[in-house]
Amino acid sequence: MKLIVTRHDAAAEFIRKRLPEFTDAPVYKEASEDLVRDNEVAGNLPANLAALTARYIAIEYPVGKAPRGQEYTLQDMENAGAMLVEYKIQRVQDW
């Protein structure tokens, strides 16, 4: 299953615009282990949850360019240089 995790409407729009396969993906404002496990997830997750996904695509910005502390628009994201980056994250060991 494909899903989007974000608290920002513009981020969901950004993902859907660049990844057509996520056009109909449901959007969740919060993630849990059960929600993301073995699913394809686009958005931003902490590493422990990203490690549970079948596929993880993060929204990233050039250093210092991310809009923070406010609601932002799709245009704000594009102006800041937002991009999607796919990662493979694996839990290796507990210490």
PDB file of N, CA and C in Angstrom:
ATOM      1  N   MET A   1       0.835  -1.178   0.000  1.00  0.00           N
ATOM      2  CA  MET A   1       0.000   0.000   0.000  1.00  0.00           C
ATOM      3  C   MET A   1       0.886   1.250   0.000  1.00  0.00           C
ATOM      4  N   LYS A   2       0.482   2.245  -0.738  1.00  0.00           N
ATOM      5  CA  LYS A   2       1.190   3.523  -0.781  1.00  0.00           C
ATOM      6  C   LYS A   2       0.480   4.499   0.141  1.00  0.00           C
ATOM      7  N   LEU A   3       1.245   5.265   0.914  1.00  0.00           N
ATOM      8  CA  LEU A   3       0.663   6.271   1.780  1.00  0.00           C
ATOM      9  C   LEU A   3       1.614   7.441   1.950  1.00  0.00           C
ATOM     10  N   ILE A   4       1.041   8.568   2.342  1.00  0.00           N
ATOM     11  CA  ILE A   4       1.796   9.798   2.552  1.00  0.00           C
ATOM     12  C   ILE A   4       1.676  10.173   4.022  1.00  0.00           C
ATOM     13  N   VAL A   5       2.800  10.535   4.633  1.00  0.00           N
ATOM     14  CA  VAL A   5       2.796  10.987   6.020  1.00  0.00           C
ATOM     15  C   VAL A   5       3.327  12.408   6.055  1.00  0.00           C
ATOM     16  N   THR A   6       2.444  13.344   6.397  1.00  0.00           N
ATOM     17  CA  THR A   6       2.825  14.753   6.526  1.00  0.00           C
ATOM     18  C   THR A   6       1.716  15.514   7.226  1.00  0.00           C
ATOM     19  N   ARG A   7       2.088  16.588   7.893  1.00  0.00           N
ATOM     20  CA  ARG A   7       1.107  17.483   8.514  1.00  0.00           C
ATOM     21  C   ARG A   7       0.798  18.674   7.615  1.00  0.00           C
ATOM     22  N   HIS A   8       1.433  18.742   6.454  1.00  0.00           N
ATOM     23  CA  HIS A   8       1.299  19.905   5.575  1.00  0.00           C
ATOM     24  C   HIS A   8       0.617  19.531   4.264  1.00  0.00           C
ATOM     25  N   ASP A   9      -0.459  20.223   3.950  1.00  0.00           N
ATOM     26  CA  ASP A   9      -1.173  19.976   2.697  1.00  0.00           C
ATOM     27  C   ASP A   9      -0.265  20.180   1.485  1.00  0.00           C
ATOM     28  N   ALA A  10       0.595  21.203   1.551  1.00  0.00           N
ATOM     29  CA  ALA A  10       1.487  21.479   0.422  1.00  0.00           C
ATOM     30  C   ALA A  10       2.465  20.321   0.196  1.00  0.00           C
ATOM     31  N   ALA A  11       2.913  19.678   1.264  1.00  0.00           N
ATOM     32  CA  ALA A  11       3.838  18.552   1.118  1.00  0.00           C
ATOM     33  C   ALA A  11       3.148  17.379   0.425  1.00  0.00           C
ATOM     34  N   ALA A  12       1.899  17.108   0.778  1.00  0.00           N
ATOM     35  CA  ALA A  12       1.154  16.041   0.112  1.00  0.00           C
ATOM     36  C   ALA A  12       0.978  16.375  -1.375  1.00  0.00           C
ATOM     37  N   GLU A  13       0.680  17.621  -1.665  1.00  0.00           N
ATOM     38  CA  GLU A  13       0.536  18.061  -3.055  1.00  0.00           C
ATOM     39  C   GLU A  13       1.862  17.922  -3.803  1.00  0.00           C
ATOM     40  N   PHE A  14       2.957  18.274  -3.155  1.00  0.00           N
ATOM     41  CA  PHE A  14       4.301  18.171  -3.736  1.00  0.00           C
ATOM     42  C   PHE A  14       4.598  16.716  -4.111  1.00  0.00           C
ATOM     43  N   ILE A  15       4.312  15.803  -3.191  1.00  0.00           N
ATOM     44  CA  ILE A  15       4.555  14.377  -3.436  1.00  0.00           C
ATOM     45  C   ILE A  15       3.708  13.883  -4.605  1.00  0.00           C
ATOM     46  N   ARG A  16       2.439  14.205  -4.577  1.00  0.00           N
ATOM     47  CA  ARG A  16       1.538  13.738  -5.637  1.00  0.00           C
ATOM     48  C   ARG A  16       1.912  14.304  -6.999  1.00  0.00           C
ATOM     49  N   LYS A  17       2.413  15.522  -7.022  1.00  0.00           N
ATOM     50  CA  LYS A  17       2.815  16.142  -8.289  1.00  0.00           C
ATOM     51  C   LYS A  17       4.024  15.436  -8.897  1.00  0.00           C
ATOM     52  N   ARG A  18       4.936  14.971  -8.068  1.00  0.00           N
ATOM     53  CA  ARG A  18       6.177  14.364  -8.555  1.00  0.00           C
ATOM     54  C   ARG A  18       6.145  12.843  -8.626  1.00  0.00           C
ATOM     55  N   LEU A  19       5.239  12.247  -7.886  1.00  0.00           N
ATOM     56  CA  LEU A  19       5.124  10.778  -7.880  1.00  0.00           C
ATOM     57  C   LEU A  19       3.680  10.396  -8.215  1.00  0.00           C
ATOM     58  N   PRO A  20       3.365  10.303  -9.494  1.00  0.00           N
ATOM     59  CA  PRO A  20       1.980  10.001  -9.893  1.00  0.00           C
ATOM     60  C   PRO A  20       1.421   8.732  -9.254  1.00  0.00           C
ATOM     61  N   GLU A  21       2.278   7.770  -8.923  1.00  0.00           N
ATOM     62  CA  GLU A  21       1.789   6.545  -8.305  1.00  0.00           C
ATOM     63  C   GLU A  21       1.238   6.781  -6.897  1.00  0.00           C
ATOM     64  N   PHE A  22       1.481   7.982  -6.319  1.00  0.00           N
ATOM     65  CA  PHE A  22       0.957   8.335  -5.007  1.00  0.00           C
ATOM     66  C   PHE A  22      -0.273   9.248  -5.102  1.00  0.00           C
ATOM     67  N   THR A  23      -0.806   9.450  -6.300  1.00  0.00           N
ATOM     68  CA  THR A  23      -1.930  10.362  -6.507  1.00  0.00           C
ATOM     69  C   THR A  23      -3.120  10.040  -5.614  1.00  0.00           C
ATOM     70  N   ASP A  24      -3.432   8.777  -5.448  1.00  0.00           N
ATOM     71  CA  ASP A  24      -4.593   8.379  -4.652  1.00  0.00           C
ATOM     72  C   ASP A  24      -4.216   7.872  -3.262  1.00  0.00           C
ATOM     73  N   ALA A  25      -2.955   8.038  -2.878  1.00  0.00           N
ATOM     74  CA  ALA A  25      -2.505   7.556  -1.572  1.00  0.00           C
ATOM     75  C   ALA A  25      -3.153   8.358  -0.450  1.00  0.00           C
ATOM     76  N   PRO A  26      -3.614   7.685   0.592  1.00  0.00           N
ATOM     77  CA  PRO A  26      -4.172   8.419   1.729  1.00  0.00           C
ATOM     78  C   PRO A  26      -3.063   9.198   2.454  1.00  0.00           C
ATOM     79  N   VAL A  27      -3.460  10.293   3.090  1.00  0.00           N
ATOM     80  CA  VAL A  27      -2.521  11.135   3.827  1.00  0.00           C
ATOM     81  C   VAL A  27      -2.784  10.976   5.320  1.00  0.00           C
ATOM     82  N   TYR A  28      -1.717  10.726   6.071  1.00  0.00           N
ATOM     83  CA  TYR A  28      -1.785  10.607   7.525  1.00  0.00           C
ATOM     84  C   TYR A  28      -0.932  11.699   8.151  1.00  0.00           C
ATOM     85  N   LYS A  29      -1.445  12.312   9.195  1.00  0.00           N
ATOM     86  CA  LYS A  29      -0.704  13.375   9.868  1.00  0.00           C
ATOM     87  C   LYS A  29       0.295  12.811  10.879  1.00  0.00           C
ATOM     88  N   GLU A  30       0.060  11.591  11.321  1.00  0.00           N
ATOM     89  CA  GLU A  30       0.970  10.928  12.258  1.00  0.00           C
ATOM     90  C   GLU A  30       1.203   9.501  11.794  1.00  0.00           C
ATOM     91  N   ALA A  31       2.384   8.995  12.096  1.00  0.00           N
ATOM     92  CA  ALA A  31       2.747   7.640  11.689  1.00  0.00           C
ATOM     93  C   ALA A  31       2.908   6.748  12.915  1.00  0.00           C
ATOM     94  N   SER A  32       2.705   5.478  12.699  1.00  0.00           N
ATOM     95  CA  SER A  32       2.939   4.471  13.736  1.00  0.00           C
ATOM     96  C   SER A  32       3.629   3.279  13.079  1.00  0.00           C
ATOM     97  N   GLU A  33       4.159   2.399  13.898  1.00  0.00           N
ATOM     98  CA  GLU A  33       4.805   1.194  13.368  1.00  0.00           C
ATOM     99  C   GLU A  33       3.819   0.397  12.518  1.00  0.00           C
ATOM    100  N   ASP A  34       2.615   0.202  13.035  1.00  0.00           N
ATOM    101  CA  ASP A  34       1.618  -0.597  12.307  1.00  0.00           C
ATOM    102  C   ASP A  34       1.225   0.059  10.989  1.00  0.00           C
ATOM    103  N   LEU A  35       1.182   1.378  10.955  1.00  0.00           N
ATOM    104  CA  LEU A  35       0.788   2.082   9.734  1.00  0.00           C
ATOM    105  C   LEU A  35       1.833   1.929   8.628  1.00  0.00           C
ATOM    106  N   VAL A  36       3.102   2.107   8.948  1.00  0.00           N
ATOM    107  CA  VAL A  36       4.134   2.148   7.909  1.00  0.00           C
ATOM    108  C   VAL A  36       4.741   0.791   7.574  1.00  0.00           C
ATOM    109  N   ARG A  37       4.610  -0.172   8.471  1.00  0.00           N
ATOM    110  CA  ARG A  37       5.266  -1.476   8.266  1.00  0.00           C
ATOM    111  C   ARG A  37       4.887  -2.095   6.922  1.00  0.00           C
ATOM    112  N   ASP A  38       5.931  -2.377   6.117  1.00  0.00           N
ATOM    113  CA  ASP A  38       5.805  -3.058   4.814  1.00  0.00           C
ATOM    114  C   ASP A  38       5.009  -2.270   3.770  1.00  0.00           C
ATOM    115  N   ASN A  39       4.854  -0.961   3.978  1.00  0.00           N
ATOM    116  CA  ASN A  39       4.167  -0.116   3.008  1.00  0.00           C
ATOM    117  C   ASN A  39       5.147   0.820   2.324  1.00  0.00           C
ATOM    118  N   GLU A  40       4.720   1.395   1.206  1.00  0.00           N
ATOM    119  CA  GLU A  40       5.505   2.406   0.510  1.00  0.00           C
ATOM    120  C   GLU A  40       5.070   3.759   1.070  1.00  0.00           C
ATOM    121  N   VAL A  41       6.029   4.479   1.661  1.00  0.00           N
ATOM    122  CA  VAL A  41       5.702   5.711   2.373  1.00  0.00           C
ATOM    123  C   VAL A  41       6.490   6.877   1.797  1.00  0.00           C
ATOM    124  N   ALA A  42       5.778   7.965   1.519  1.00  0.00           N
ATOM    125  CA  ALA A  42       6.413   9.218   1.116  1.00  0.00           C
ATOM    126  C   ALA A  42       6.072  10.258   2.170  1.00  0.00           C
ATOM    127  N   GLY A  43       7.052  11.063   2.531  1.00  0.00           N
ATOM    128  CA  GLY A  43       6.878  12.083   3.565  1.00  0.00           C
ATOM    129  C   GLY A  43       8.127  12.134   4.404  1.00  0.00           C
ATOM    130  N   ASN A  44       7.940  12.405   5.685  1.00  0.00           N
ATOM    131  CA  ASN A  44       9.103  12.426   6.570  1.00  0.00           C
ATOM    132  C   ASN A  44       8.824  11.582   7.793  1.00  0.00           C
ATOM    133  N   LEU A  45       9.728  10.646   8.033  1.00  0.00           N
ATOM    134  CA  LEU A  45       9.615   9.721   9.159  1.00  0.00           C
ATOM    135  C   LEU A  45      10.912   9.698   9.947  1.00  0.00           C
ATOM    136  N   PRO A  46      10.822   9.406  11.246  1.00  0.00           N
ATOM    137  CA  PRO A  46      12.061   9.137  11.981  1.00  0.00           C
ATOM    138  C   PRO A  46      12.664   7.817  11.491  1.00  0.00           C
ATOM    139  N   ALA A  47      13.942   7.639  11.678  1.00  0.00           N
ATOM    140  CA  ALA A  47      14.650   6.470  11.150  1.00  0.00           C
ATOM    141  C   ALA A  47      14.041   5.156  11.621  1.00  0.00           C
ATOM    142  N   ASN A  48      13.596   5.087  12.884  1.00  0.00           N
ATOM    143  CA  ASN A  48      13.056   3.810  13.381  1.00  0.00           C
ATOM    144  C   ASN A  48      11.795   3.398  12.626  1.00  0.00           C
ATOM    145  N   LEU A  49      10.999   4.354  12.168  1.00  0.00           N
ATOM    146  CA  LEU A  49       9.817   4.014  11.378  1.00  0.00           C
ATOM    147  C   LEU A  49      10.169   3.799   9.917  1.00  0.00           C
ATOM    148  N   ALA A  50      11.074   4.600   9.385  1.00  0.00           N
ATOM    149  CA  ALA A  50      11.495   4.438   7.990  1.00  0.00           C
ATOM    150  C   ALA A  50      12.081   3.048   7.767  1.00  0.00           C
ATOM    151  N   ALA A  51      12.742   2.507   8.773  1.00  0.00           N
ATOM    152  CA  ALA A  51      13.346   1.172   8.649  1.00  0.00           C
ATOM    153  C   ALA A  51      12.304   0.069   8.485  1.00  0.00           C
ATOM    154  N   LEU A  52      11.067   0.343   8.851  1.00  0.00           N
ATOM    155  CA  LEU A  52      10.002  -0.662   8.741  1.00  0.00           C
ATOM    156  C   LEU A  52       9.309  -0.662   7.384  1.00  0.00           C
ATOM    157  N   THR A  53       9.548   0.348   6.577  1.00  0.00           N
ATOM    158  CA  THR A  53       8.830   0.491   5.311  1.00  0.00           C
ATOM    159  C   THR A  53       9.386  -0.432   4.231  1.00  0.00           C
ATOM    160  N   ALA A  54       8.546  -0.716   3.255  1.00  0.00           N
ATOM    161  CA  ALA A  54       9.002  -1.452   2.070  1.00  0.00           C
ATOM    162  C   ALA A  54       9.738  -0.502   1.127  1.00  0.00           C
ATOM    163  N   ARG A  55       9.341   0.769   1.159  1.00  0.00           N
ATOM    164  CA  ARG A  55       9.961   1.807   0.333  1.00  0.00           C
ATOM    165  C   ARG A  55       9.745   3.133   1.057  1.00  0.00           C
ATOM    166  N   TYR A  56      10.801   3.938   1.161  1.00  0.00           N
ATOM    167  CA  TYR A  56      10.696   5.211   1.884  1.00  0.00           C
ATOM    168  C   TYR A  56      11.239   6.349   1.025  1.00  0.00           C
ATOM    169  N   ILE A  57      10.400   7.367   0.839  1.00  0.00           N
ATOM    170  CA  ILE A  57      10.782   8.535   0.045  1.00  0.00           C
ATOM    171  C   ILE A  57      10.592   9.772   0.921  1.00  0.00           C
ATOM    172  N   ALA A  58      11.682  10.480   1.160  1.00  0.00           N
ATOM    173  CA  ALA A  58      11.668  11.647   2.046  1.00  0.00           C
ATOM    174  C   ALA A  58      11.645  12.945   1.251  1.00  0.00           C
ATOM    175  N   ILE A  59      11.063  13.968   1.858  1.00  0.00           N
ATOM    176  CA  ILE A  59      11.147  15.322   1.322  1.00  0.00           C
ATOM    177  C   ILE A  59      12.391  15.955   1.935  1.00  0.00           C
ATOM    178  N   GLU A  60      13.253  16.489   1.083  1.00  0.00           N
ATOM    179  CA  GLU A  60      14.474  17.135   1.562  1.00  0.00           C
ATOM    180  C   GLU A  60      14.632  18.509   0.928  1.00  0.00           C
ATOM    181  N   TYR A  61      15.414  19.328   1.615  1.00  0.00           N
ATOM    182  CA  TYR A  61      15.740  20.681   1.157  1.00  0.00           C
ATOM    183  C   TYR A  61      17.240  20.876   1.225  1.00  0.00           C
ATOM    184  N   PRO A  62      17.767  21.794   0.415  1.00  0.00           N
ATOM    185  CA  PRO A  62      19.170  22.168   0.594  1.00  0.00           C
ATOM    186  C   PRO A  62      19.351  22.694   2.022  1.00  0.00           C
ATOM    187  N   VAL A  63      20.536  22.539   2.582  1.00  0.00           N
ATOM    188  CA  VAL A  63      20.813  22.943   3.962  1.00  0.00           C
ATOM    189  C   VAL A  63      20.382  24.388   4.200  1.00  0.00           C
ATOM    190  N   GLY A  64      19.599  24.575   5.267  1.00  0.00           N
ATOM    191  CA  GLY A  64      19.172  25.903   5.667  1.00  0.00           C
ATOM    192  C   GLY A  64      18.018  26.495   4.886  1.00  0.00           C
ATOM    193  N   LYS A  65      17.430  25.751   3.970  1.00  0.00           N
ATOM    194  CA  LYS A  65      16.381  26.299   3.098  1.00  0.00           C
ATOM    195  C   LYS A  65      14.966  25.831   3.454  1.00  0.00           C
ATOM    196  N   ALA A  66      14.827  24.869   4.344  1.00  0.00           N
ATOM    197  CA  ALA A  66      13.502  24.323   4.644  1.00  0.00           C
ATOM    198  C   ALA A  66      12.618  25.358   5.325  1.00  0.00           C
ATOM    199  N   PRO A  67      11.375  25.508   4.857  1.00  0.00           N
ATOM    200  CA  PRO A  67      10.451  26.402   5.563  1.00  0.00           C
ATOM    201  C   PRO A  67      10.080  25.770   6.902  1.00  0.00           C
ATOM    202  N   ARG A  68      10.241  26.493   7.976  1.00  0.00           N
ATOM    203  CA  ARG A  68       9.983  25.950   9.320  1.00  0.00           C
ATOM    204  C   ARG A  68       9.103  26.908  10.116  1.00  0.00           C
ATOM    205  N   GLY A  69       8.374  26.340  11.063  1.00  0.00           N
ATOM    206  CA  GLY A  69       7.607  27.138  11.997  1.00  0.00           C
ATOM    207  C   GLY A  69       6.405  27.843  11.408  1.00  0.00           C
ATOM    208  N   GLN A  70       5.961  27.411  10.247  1.00  0.00           N
ATOM    209  CA  GLN A  70       4.819  28.052   9.600  1.00  0.00           C
ATOM    210  C   GLN A  70       4.189  27.076   8.621  1.00  0.00           C
ATOM    211  N   GLU A  71       2.974  27.377   8.229  1.00  0.00           N
ATOM    212  CA  GLU A  71       2.374  26.610   7.139  1.00  0.00           C
ATOM    213  C   GLU A  71       2.952  27.173   5.844  1.00  0.00           C
ATOM    214  N   TYR A  72       3.266  26.309   4.901  1.00  0.00           N
ATOM    215  CA  TYR A  72       3.884  26.760   3.666  1.00  0.00           C
ATOM    216  C   TYR A  72       3.099  26.248   2.475  1.00  0.00           C
ATOM    217  N   THR A  73       3.370  26.848   1.332  1.00  0.00           N
ATOM    218  CA  THR A  73       2.666  26.493   0.101  1.00  0.00           C
ATOM    219  C   THR A  73       3.556  25.628  -0.783  1.00  0.00           C
ATOM    220  N   LEU A  74       2.948  25.073  -1.818  1.00  0.00           N
ATOM    221  CA  LEU A  74       3.713  24.321  -2.811  1.00  0.00           C
ATOM    222  C   LEU A  74       4.773  25.222  -3.430  1.00  0.00           C
ATOM    223  N   GLN A  75       4.421  26.460  -3.722  1.00  0.00           N
ATOM    224  CA  GLN A  75       5.374  27.405  -4.304  1.00  0.00           C
ATOM    225  C   GLN A  75       6.532  27.671  -3.342  1.00  0.00           C
ATOM    226  N   ASP A  76       6.241  27.785  -2.033  1.00  0.00           N
ATOM    227  CA  ASP A  76       7.307  27.956  -1.035  1.00  0.00           C
ATOM    228  C   ASP A  76       8.281  26.785  -1.081  1.00  0.00           C
ATOM    229  N   MET A  77       7.742  25.573  -1.202  1.00  0.00           N
ATOM    230  CA  MET A  77       8.590  24.381  -1.254  1.00  0.00           C
ATOM    231  C   MET A  77       9.466  24.401  -2.502  1.00  0.00           C
ATOM    232  N   GLU A  78       8.854  24.711  -3.637  1.00  0.00           N
ATOM    233  CA  GLU A  78       9.612  24.736  -4.886  1.00  0.00           C
ATOM    234  C   GLU A  78      10.676  25.829  -4.847  1.00  0.00           C
ATOM    235  N   ASN A  79      10.335  27.009  -4.307  1.00  0.00           N
ATOM    236  CA  ASN A  79      11.302  28.106  -4.206  1.00  0.00           C
ATOM    237  C   ASN A  79      12.467  27.752  -3.293  1.00  0.00           C
ATOM    238  N   ALA A  80      12.209  26.919  -2.288  1.00  0.00           N
ATOM    239  CA  ALA A  80      13.256  26.520  -1.351  1.00  0.00           C
ATOM    240  C   ALA A  80      14.101  25.361  -1.874  1.00  0.00           C
ATOM    241  N   GLY A  81      13.746  24.813  -3.043  1.00  0.00           N
ATOM    242  CA  GLY A  81      14.532  23.729  -3.632  1.00  0.00           C
ATOM    243  C   GLY A  81      14.176  22.345  -3.123  1.00  0.00           C
ATOM    244  N   ALA A  82      12.946  22.158  -2.659  1.00  0.00           N
ATOM    245  CA  ALA A  82      12.525  20.850  -2.150  1.00  0.00           C
ATOM    246  C   ALA A  82      12.735  19.770  -3.207  1.00  0.00           C
ATOM    247  N   MET A  83      13.053  18.576  -2.733  1.00  0.00           N
ATOM    248  CA  MET A  83      13.241  17.426  -3.617  1.00  0.00           C
ATOM    249  C   MET A  83      12.802  16.163  -2.890  1.00  0.00           C
ATOM    250  N   LEU A  84      12.549  15.114  -3.644  1.00  0.00           N
ATOM    251  CA  LEU A  84      12.227  13.813  -3.072  1.00  0.00           C
ATOM    252  C   LEU A  84      13.439  12.913  -3.230  1.00  0.00           C
ATOM    253  N   VAL A  85      13.774  12.209  -2.147  1.00  0.00           N
ATOM    254  CA  VAL A  85      14.935  11.321  -2.143  1.00  0.00           C
ATOM    255  C   VAL A  85      14.507   9.980  -1.557  1.00  0.00           C
ATOM    256  N   GLU A  86      14.768   8.903  -2.299  1.00  0.00           N
ATOM    257  CA  GLU A  86      14.426   7.572  -1.799  1.00  0.00           C
ATOM    258  C   GLU A  86      15.588   7.002  -0.996  1.00  0.00           C
ATOM    259  N   TYR A  87      15.245   6.413   0.147  1.00  0.00           N
ATOM    260  CA  TYR A  87      16.245   5.827   1.036  1.00  0.00           C
ATOM    261  C   TYR A  87      15.926   4.370   1.319  1.00  0.00           C
ATOM    262  N   LYS A  88      16.967   3.608   1.612  1.00  0.00           N
ATOM    263  CA  LYS A  88      16.841   2.266   2.169  1.00  0.00           C
ATOM    264  C   LYS A  88      17.466   2.351   3.554  1.00  0.00           C
ATOM    265  N   ILE A  89      16.648   2.199   4.558  1.00  0.00           N
ATOM    266  CA  ILE A  89      17.117   2.307   5.945  1.00  0.00           C
ATOM    267  C   ILE A  89      16.875   0.973   6.612  1.00  0.00           C
ATOM    268  N   GLN A  90      17.883   0.486   7.297  1.00  0.00           N
ATOM    269  CA  GLN A  90      17.794  -0.817   7.934  1.00  0.00           C
ATOM    270  C   GLN A  90      18.247  -0.711   9.377  1.00  0.00           C
ATOM    271  N   ARG A  91      17.451  -1.275  10.281  1.00  0.00           N
ATOM    272  CA  ARG A  91      17.848  -1.350  11.687  1.00  0.00           C
ATOM    273  C   ARG A  91      18.920  -2.434  11.810  1.00  0.00           C
ATOM    274  N   VAL A  92      20.019  -2.088  12.429  1.00  0.00           N
ATOM    275  CA  VAL A  92      21.127  -3.029  12.505  1.00  0.00           C
ATOM    276  C   VAL A  92      21.250  -3.653  13.888  1.00  0.00           C
ATOM    277  N   GLN A  93      21.244  -2.833  14.937  1.00  0.00           N
ATOM    278  CA  GLN A  93      21.483  -3.386  16.275  1.00  0.00           C
ATOM    279  C   GLN A  93      20.993  -2.411  17.340  1.00  0.00           C
ATOM    280  N   ASP A  94      20.503  -2.950  18.435  1.00  0.00           N
ATOM    281  CA  ASP A  94      20.185  -2.145  19.622  1.00  0.00           C
ATOM    282  C   ASP A  94      21.410  -2.141  20.527  1.00  0.00           C
ATOM    283  N   TRP A  95      21.670  -1.030  21.149  1.00  0.00           N
ATOM    284  CA  TRP A  95      22.828  -0.936  22.050  1.00  0.00           C
ATOM    285  C   TRP A  95      22.366  -0.776  23.475  1.00  0.00           C
TER     286      TRP A  95
END
